[in-house]
Amino acid sequence: MESEVALLRARIEQECAALRLALDGFAISASHEAISARYDRLSACKAELEHFIGSQADEVMYEVYTRHLG
C-alpha cells in the first residue's frame, strides 16, 4: 500500500508541475482543453489515493497543489 501511495503522490506532483507550466510557463498559450485535462488527471489521482488513505487524500492534494500553484 505504501508504494502505491508514493507512486500516486509522485504522479500528483508531476501533474501539478505540468499544470503550473501550462498556466504560467513557456506553454502559456495552453488551451482550455489541455488545462482541463490536467485537472481531470488530478481528480483521477485523488480518487485513486482516496482508495488507499481515505479523506487524507484531501490533505495530500492541498499540500501538493498549493506548493506548486500557490
PDB file of N, CA and C in Angstrom:
ATOM      1  N   MET A   1       0.814  -1.195   0.000  1.00  0.00           N
ATOM      2  CA  MET A   1       0.000   0.000   0.000  1.00  0.00           C
ATOM      3  C   MET A   1       0.863   1.267   0.000  1.00  0.00           C
ATOM      4  N   GLU A   2       1.928   1.273   0.789  1.00  0.00           N
ATOM      5  CA  GLU A   2       2.767   2.474   0.863  1.00  0.00           C
ATOM      6  C   GLU A   2       3.375   2.817  -0.487  1.00  0.00           C
ATOM      7  N   SER A   3       3.772   1.798  -1.247  1.00  0.00           N
ATOM      8  CA  SER A   3       4.387   2.078  -2.538  1.00  0.00           C
ATOM      9  C   SER A   3       3.368   2.644  -3.523  1.00  0.00           C
ATOM     10  N   GLU A   4       2.114   2.178  -3.454  1.00  0.00           N
ATOM     11  CA  GLU A   4       1.074   2.720  -4.317  1.00  0.00           C
ATOM     12  C   GLU A   4       0.799   4.172  -3.980  1.00  0.00           C
ATOM     13  N   VAL A   5       0.763   4.481  -2.696  1.00  0.00           N
ATOM     14  CA  VAL A   5       0.543   5.862  -2.257  1.00  0.00           C
ATOM     15  C   VAL A   5       1.702   6.741  -2.714  1.00  0.00           C
ATOM     16  N   ALA A   6       2.914   6.248  -2.594  1.00  0.00           N
ATOM     17  CA  ALA A   6       4.084   7.018  -3.025  1.00  0.00           C
ATOM     18  C   ALA A   6       4.043   7.268  -4.535  1.00  0.00           C
ATOM     19  N   LEU A   7       3.655   6.261  -5.300  1.00  0.00           N
ATOM     20  CA  LEU A   7       3.545   6.427  -6.751  1.00  0.00           C
ATOM     21  C   LEU A   7       2.463   7.441  -7.110  1.00  0.00           C
ATOM     22  N   LEU A   8       1.327   7.366  -6.436  1.00  0.00           N
ATOM     23  CA  LEU A   8       0.254   8.321  -6.698  1.00  0.00           C
ATOM     24  C   LEU A   8       0.672   9.732  -6.323  1.00  0.00           C
ATOM     25  N   ARG A   9       1.352   9.867  -5.212  1.00  0.00           N
ATOM     26  CA  ARG A   9       1.836  11.195  -4.803  1.00  0.00           C
ATOM     27  C   ARG A   9       2.806  11.751  -5.847  1.00  0.00           C
ATOM     28  N   ALA A  10       3.670  10.902  -6.375  1.00  0.00           N
ATOM     29  CA  ALA A  10       4.607  11.336  -7.411  1.00  0.00           C
ATOM     30  C   ALA A  10       3.851  11.760  -8.671  1.00  0.00           C
ATOM     31  N   ARG A  11       2.802  11.033  -9.039  1.00  0.00           N
ATOM     32  CA  ARG A  11       2.002  11.418 -10.200  1.00  0.00           C
ATOM     33  C   ARG A  11       1.315  12.756  -9.973  1.00  0.00           C
ATOM     34  N   ILE A  12       0.824  12.965  -8.757  1.00  0.00           N
ATOM     35  CA  ILE A  12       0.174  14.237  -8.421  1.00  0.00           C
ATOM     36  C   ILE A  12       1.189  15.370  -8.504  1.00  0.00           C
ATOM     37  N   GLU A  13       2.391  15.133  -7.997  1.00  0.00           N
ATOM     38  CA  GLU A  13       3.464  16.133  -8.090  1.00  0.00           C
ATOM     39  C   GLU A  13       3.730  16.488  -9.552  1.00  0.00           C
ATOM     40  N   GLN A  14       3.827  15.473 -10.406  1.00  0.00           N
ATOM     41  CA  GLN A  14       4.102  15.696 -11.823  1.00  0.00           C
ATOM     42  C   GLN A  14       2.970  16.453 -12.502  1.00  0.00           C
ATOM     43  N   GLU A  15       1.738  16.074 -12.203  1.00  0.00           N
ATOM     44  CA  GLU A  15       0.592  16.747 -12.811  1.00  0.00           C
ATOM     45  C   GLU A  15       0.516  18.210 -12.377  1.00  0.00           C
ATOM     46  N   CYS A  16       0.787  18.471 -11.104  1.00  0.00           N
ATOM     47  CA  CYS A  16       0.762  19.857 -10.618  1.00  0.00           C
ATOM     48  C   CYS A  16       1.872  20.682 -11.259  1.00  0.00           C
ATOM     49  N   ALA A  17       3.049  20.089 -11.390  1.00  0.00           N
ATOM     50  CA  ALA A  17       4.154  20.805 -12.031  1.00  0.00           C
ATOM     51  C   ALA A  17       3.812  21.107 -13.494  1.00  0.00           C
ATOM     52  N   ALA A  18       3.223  20.137 -14.181  1.00  0.00           N
ATOM     53  CA  ALA A  18       2.835  20.341 -15.581  1.00  0.00           C
ATOM     54  C   ALA A  18       1.730  21.384 -15.688  1.00  0.00           C
ATOM     55  N   LEU A  19       0.806  21.369 -14.749  1.00  0.00           N
ATOM     56  CA  LEU A  19      -0.269  22.352 -14.745  1.00  0.00           C
ATOM     57  C   LEU A  19       0.294  23.751 -14.544  1.00  0.00           C
ATOM     58  N   ARG A  20       1.256  23.866 -13.654  1.00  0.00           N
ATOM     59  CA  ARG A  20       1.899  25.162 -13.409  1.00  0.00           C
ATOM     60  C   ARG A  20       2.543  25.694 -14.687  1.00  0.00           C
ATOM     61  N   LEU A  21       3.235  24.815 -15.402  1.00  0.00           N
ATOM     62  CA  LEU A  21       3.852  25.225 -16.664  1.00  0.00           C
ATOM     63  C   LEU A  21       2.802  25.616 -17.698  1.00  0.00           C
ATOM     64  N   ALA A  22       1.704  24.880 -17.730  1.00  0.00           N
ATOM     65  CA  ALA A  22       0.635  25.191 -18.688  1.00  0.00           C
ATOM     66  C   ALA A  22       0.017  26.548 -18.390  1.00  0.00           C
ATOM     67  N   LEU A  23      -0.054  26.893 -17.127  1.00  0.00           N
ATOM     68  CA  LEU A  23      -0.668  28.168 -16.742  1.00  0.00           C
ATOM     69  C   LEU A  23       0.297  29.343 -16.835  1.00  0.00           C
ATOM     70  N   ASP A  24       1.560  29.137 -16.432  1.00  0.00           N
ATOM     71  CA  ASP A  24       2.491  30.257 -16.298  1.00  0.00           C
ATOM     72  C   ASP A  24       3.796  30.127 -17.058  1.00  0.00           C
ATOM     73  N   GLY A  25       4.105  28.945 -17.540  1.00  0.00           N
ATOM     74  CA  GLY A  25       5.417  28.714 -18.135  1.00  0.00           C
ATOM     75  C   GLY A  25       5.460  29.017 -19.612  1.00  0.00           C
ATOM     76  N   PHE A  26       6.368  28.348 -20.263  1.00  0.00           N
ATOM     77  CA  PHE A  26       6.564  28.552 -21.696  1.00  0.00           C
ATOM     78  C   PHE A  26       5.321  28.179 -22.496  1.00  0.00           C
ATOM     79  N   ALA A  27       4.508  27.317 -21.938  1.00  0.00           N
ATOM     80  CA  ALA A  27       3.292  26.894 -22.629  1.00  0.00           C
ATOM     81  C   ALA A  27       2.119  27.781 -22.240  1.00  0.00           C
ATOM     82  N   ILE A  28       2.374  29.069 -22.081  1.00  0.00           N
ATOM     83  CA  ILE A  28       1.342  29.986 -21.605  1.00  0.00           C
ATOM     84  C   ILE A  28       0.133  30.015 -22.530  1.00  0.00           C
ATOM     85  N   SER A  29       0.321  29.571 -23.749  1.00  0.00           N
ATOM     86  CA  SER A  29      -0.797  29.545 -24.686  1.00  0.00           C
ATOM     87  C   SER A  29      -1.549  28.215 -24.641  1.00  0.00           C
ATOM     88  N   ALA A  30      -1.369  27.463 -23.575  1.00  0.00           N
ATOM     89  CA  ALA A  30      -2.053  26.182 -23.453  1.00  0.00           C
ATOM     90  C   ALA A  30      -3.561  26.391 -23.550  1.00  0.00           C
ATOM     91  N   SER A  31      -4.191  25.489 -24.252  1.00  0.00           N
ATOM     92  CA  SER A  31      -5.630  25.607 -24.467  1.00  0.00           C
ATOM     93  C   SER A  31      -6.407  25.258 -23.207  1.00  0.00           C
ATOM     94  N   HIS A  32      -7.634  25.696 -23.199  1.00  0.00           N
ATOM     95  CA  HIS A  32      -8.525  25.357 -22.097  1.00  0.00           C
ATOM     96  C   HIS A  32      -8.659  23.846 -21.977  1.00  0.00           C
ATOM     97  N   GLU A  33      -8.710  23.157 -23.108  1.00  0.00           N
ATOM     98  CA  GLU A  33      -8.848  21.697 -23.099  1.00  0.00           C
ATOM     99  C   GLU A  33      -7.642  21.025 -22.450  1.00  0.00           C
ATOM    100  N   ALA A  34      -6.446  21.546 -22.728  1.00  0.00           N
ATOM    101  CA  ALA A  34      -5.237  20.970 -22.139  1.00  0.00           C
ATOM    102  C   ALA A  34      -5.209  21.178 -20.630  1.00  0.00           C
ATOM    103  N   ILE A  35      -5.596  22.350 -20.199  1.00  0.00           N
ATOM    104  CA  ILE A  35      -5.621  22.648 -18.765  1.00  0.00           C
ATOM    105  C   ILE A  35      -6.701  21.809 -18.081  1.00  0.00           C
ATOM    106  N   SER A  36      -7.860  21.708 -18.699  1.00  0.00           N
ATOM    107  CA  SER A  36      -8.942  20.877 -18.142  1.00  0.00           C
ATOM    108  C   SER A  36      -8.513  19.421 -18.034  1.00  0.00           C
ATOM    109  N   ALA A  37      -7.777  18.949 -19.020  1.00  0.00           N
ATOM    110  CA  ALA A  37      -7.296  17.564 -18.991  1.00  0.00           C
ATOM    111  C   ALA A  37      -6.365  17.338 -17.803  1.00  0.00           C
ATOM    112  N   ARG A  38      -5.529  18.322 -17.497  1.00  0.00           N
ATOM    113  CA  ARG A  38      -4.642  18.203 -16.324  1.00  0.00           C
ATOM    114  C   ARG A  38      -5.459  18.114 -15.035  1.00  0.00           C
ATOM    115  N   TYR A  39      -6.470  18.963 -14.923  1.00  0.00           N
ATOM    116  CA  TYR A  39      -7.324  18.912 -13.731  1.00  0.00           C
ATOM    117  C   TYR A  39      -8.067  17.580 -13.651  1.00  0.00           C
ATOM    118  N   ASP A  40      -8.499  17.047 -14.794  1.00  0.00           N
ATOM    119  CA  ASP A  40      -9.168  15.744 -14.798  1.00  0.00           C
ATOM    120  C   ASP A  40      -8.233  14.647 -14.313  1.00  0.00           C
ATOM    121  N   ARG A  41      -6.962  14.696 -14.744  1.00  0.00           N
ATOM    122  CA  ARG A  41      -5.998  13.695 -14.289  1.00  0.00           C
ATOM    123  C   ARG A  41      -5.722  13.835 -12.799  1.00  0.00           C
ATOM    124  N   LEU A  42      -5.671  15.078 -12.303  1.00  0.00           N
ATOM    125  CA  LEU A  42      -5.500  15.274 -10.860  1.00  0.00           C
ATOM    126  C   LEU A  42      -6.676  14.684 -10.088  1.00  0.00           C
ATOM    127  N   SER A  43      -7.862  14.878 -10.606  1.00  0.00           N
ATOM    128  CA  SER A  43      -9.055  14.336  -9.962  1.00  0.00           C
ATOM    129  C   SER A  43      -9.016  12.808  -9.934  1.00  0.00           C
ATOM    130  N   ALA A  44      -8.568  12.201 -11.021  1.00  0.00           N
ATOM    131  CA  ALA A  44      -8.457  10.741 -11.069  1.00  0.00           C
ATOM    132  C   ALA A  44      -7.422  10.234 -10.069  1.00  0.00           C
ATOM    133  N   CYS A  45      -6.306  10.945  -9.956  1.00  0.00           N
ATOM    134  CA  CYS A  45      -5.279  10.579  -8.976  1.00  0.00           C
ATOM    135  C   CYS A  45      -5.832  10.668  -7.559  1.00  0.00           C
ATOM    136  N   LYS A  46      -6.587  11.721  -7.300  1.00  0.00           N
ATOM    137  CA  LYS A  46      -7.167  11.888  -5.964  1.00  0.00           C
ATOM    138  C   LYS A  46      -8.127  10.756  -5.647  1.00  0.00           C
ATOM    139  N   ALA A  47      -8.935  10.358  -6.611  1.00  0.00           N
ATOM    140  CA  ALA A  47      -9.872   9.258  -6.391  1.00  0.00           C
ATOM    141  C   ALA A  47      -9.124   7.963  -6.078  1.00  0.00           C
ATOM    142  N   GLU A  48      -8.029   7.710  -6.799  1.00  0.00           N
ATOM    143  CA  GLU A  48      -7.216   6.519  -6.516  1.00  0.00           C
ATOM    144  C   GLU A  48      -6.600   6.610  -5.130  1.00  0.00           C
ATOM    145  N   LEU A  49      -6.101   7.787  -4.797  1.00  0.00           N
ATOM    146  CA  LEU A  49      -5.466   7.993  -3.498  1.00  0.00           C
ATOM    147  C   LEU A  49      -6.470   7.775  -2.369  1.00  0.00           C
ATOM    148  N   GLU A  50      -7.700   8.224  -2.560  1.00  0.00           N
ATOM    149  CA  GLU A  50      -8.739   8.025  -1.547  1.00  0.00           C
ATOM    150  C   GLU A  50      -8.976   6.548  -1.272  1.00  0.00           C
ATOM    151  N   HIS A  51      -8.801   5.721  -2.286  1.00  0.00           N
ATOM    152  CA  HIS A  51      -8.957   4.274  -2.113  1.00  0.00           C
ATOM    153  C   HIS A  51      -7.988   3.742  -1.059  1.00  0.00           C
ATOM    154  N   PHE A  52      -6.796   4.327  -0.996  1.00  0.00           N
ATOM    155  CA  PHE A  52      -5.762   3.858  -0.081  1.00  0.00           C
ATOM    156  C   PHE A  52      -5.757   4.586   1.262  1.00  0.00           C
ATOM    157  N   ILE A  53      -5.998   5.913   1.252  1.00  0.00           N
ATOM    158  CA  ILE A  53      -5.833   6.660   2.503  1.00  0.00           C
ATOM    159  C   ILE A  53      -7.070   7.458   2.908  1.00  0.00           C
ATOM    160  N   GLY A  54      -8.177   7.239   2.231  1.00  0.00           N
ATOM    161  CA  GLY A  54      -9.427   7.887   2.612  1.00  0.00           C
ATOM    162  C   GLY A  54      -9.368   9.402   2.520  1.00  0.00           C
ATOM    163  N   SER A  55      -9.927  10.054   3.520  1.00  0.00           N
ATOM    164  CA  SER A  55     -10.043  11.516   3.491  1.00  0.00           C
ATOM    165  C   SER A  55      -8.694  12.231   3.606  1.00  0.00           C
ATOM    166  N   GLN A  56      -7.647  11.517   3.968  1.00  0.00           N
ATOM    167  CA  GLN A  56      -6.317  12.135   4.000  1.00  0.00           C
ATOM    168  C   GLN A  56      -5.867  12.544   2.597  1.00  0.00           C
ATOM    169  N   ALA A  57      -6.518  12.003   1.579  1.00  0.00           N
ATOM    170  CA  ALA A  57      -6.192  12.376   0.205  1.00  0.00           C
ATOM    171  C   ALA A  57      -6.406  13.874  -0.008  1.00  0.00           C
ATOM    172  N   ASP A  58      -7.411  14.432   0.659  1.00  0.00           N
ATOM    173  CA  ASP A  58      -7.652  15.875   0.556  1.00  0.00           C
ATOM    174  C   ASP A  58      -6.447  16.667   1.043  1.00  0.00           C
ATOM    175  N   GLU A  59      -5.865  16.237   2.148  1.00  0.00           N
ATOM    176  CA  GLU A  59      -4.704  16.930   2.712  1.00  0.00           C
ATOM    177  C   GLU A  59      -3.506  16.835   1.777  1.00  0.00           C
ATOM    178  N   VAL A  60      -3.302  15.659   1.200  1.00  0.00           N
ATOM    179  CA  VAL A  60      -2.189  15.473   0.269  1.00  0.00           C
ATOM    180  C   VAL A  60      -2.378  16.372  -0.947  1.00  0.00           C
ATOM    181  N   MET A  61      -3.575  16.364  -1.511  1.00  0.00           N
ATOM    182  CA  MET A  61      -3.852  17.188  -2.683  1.00  0.00           C
ATOM    183  C   MET A  61      -3.632  18.668  -2.378  1.00  0.00           C
ATOM    184  N   TYR A  62      -4.141  19.117  -1.245  1.00  0.00           N
ATOM    185  CA  TYR A  62      -3.992  20.522  -0.864  1.00  0.00           C
ATOM    186  C   TYR A  62      -2.515  20.897  -0.733  1.00  0.00           C
ATOM    187  N   GLU A  63      -1.759  20.055  -0.036  1.00  0.00           N
ATOM    188  CA  GLU A  63      -0.350  20.346   0.209  1.00  0.00           C
ATOM    189  C   GLU A  63       0.425  20.426  -1.106  1.00  0.00           C
ATOM    190  N   VAL A  64       0.224  19.445  -1.971  1.00  0.00           N
ATOM    191  CA  VAL A  64       0.965  19.415  -3.235  1.00  0.00           C
ATOM    192  C   VAL A  64       0.511  20.553  -4.155  1.00  0.00           C
ATOM    193  N   TYR A  65      -0.789  20.732  -4.265  1.00  0.00           N
ATOM    194  CA  TYR A  65      -1.337  21.757  -5.158  1.00  0.00           C
ATOM    195  C   TYR A  65      -0.864  23.148  -4.753  1.00  0.00           C
ATOM    196  N   THR A  66      -0.946  23.464  -3.461  1.00  0.00           N
ATOM    197  CA  THR A  66      -0.546  24.806  -3.031  1.00  0.00           C
ATOM    198  C   THR A  66       0.960  25.018  -3.161  1.00  0.00           C
ATOM    199  N   ARG A  67       1.744  23.967  -3.010  1.00  0.00           N
ATOM    200  CA  ARG A  67       3.178  24.108  -3.175  1.00  0.00           C
ATOM    201  C   ARG A  67       3.526  24.434  -4.626  1.00  0.00           C
ATOM    202  N   HIS A  68       2.825  23.833  -5.552  1.00  0.00           N
ATOM    203  CA  HIS A  68       3.139  24.048  -6.954  1.00  0.00           C
ATOM    204  C   HIS A  68       2.419  25.251  -7.561  1.00  0.00           C
ATOM    205  N   LEU A  69       1.194  25.503  -7.106  1.00  0.00           N
ATOM    206  CA  LEU A  69       0.378  26.516  -7.763  1.00  0.00           C
ATOM    207  C   LEU A  69      -0.002  27.697  -6.882  1.00  0.00           C
ATOM    208  N   GLY A  70       0.428  27.651  -5.646  1.00  0.00           N
ATOM    209  CA  GLY A  70       0.203  28.786  -4.757  1.00  0.00           C
ATOM    210  C   GLY A  70      -1.103  28.876  -4.102  1.00  0.00           C
TER     211      GLY A  70
END
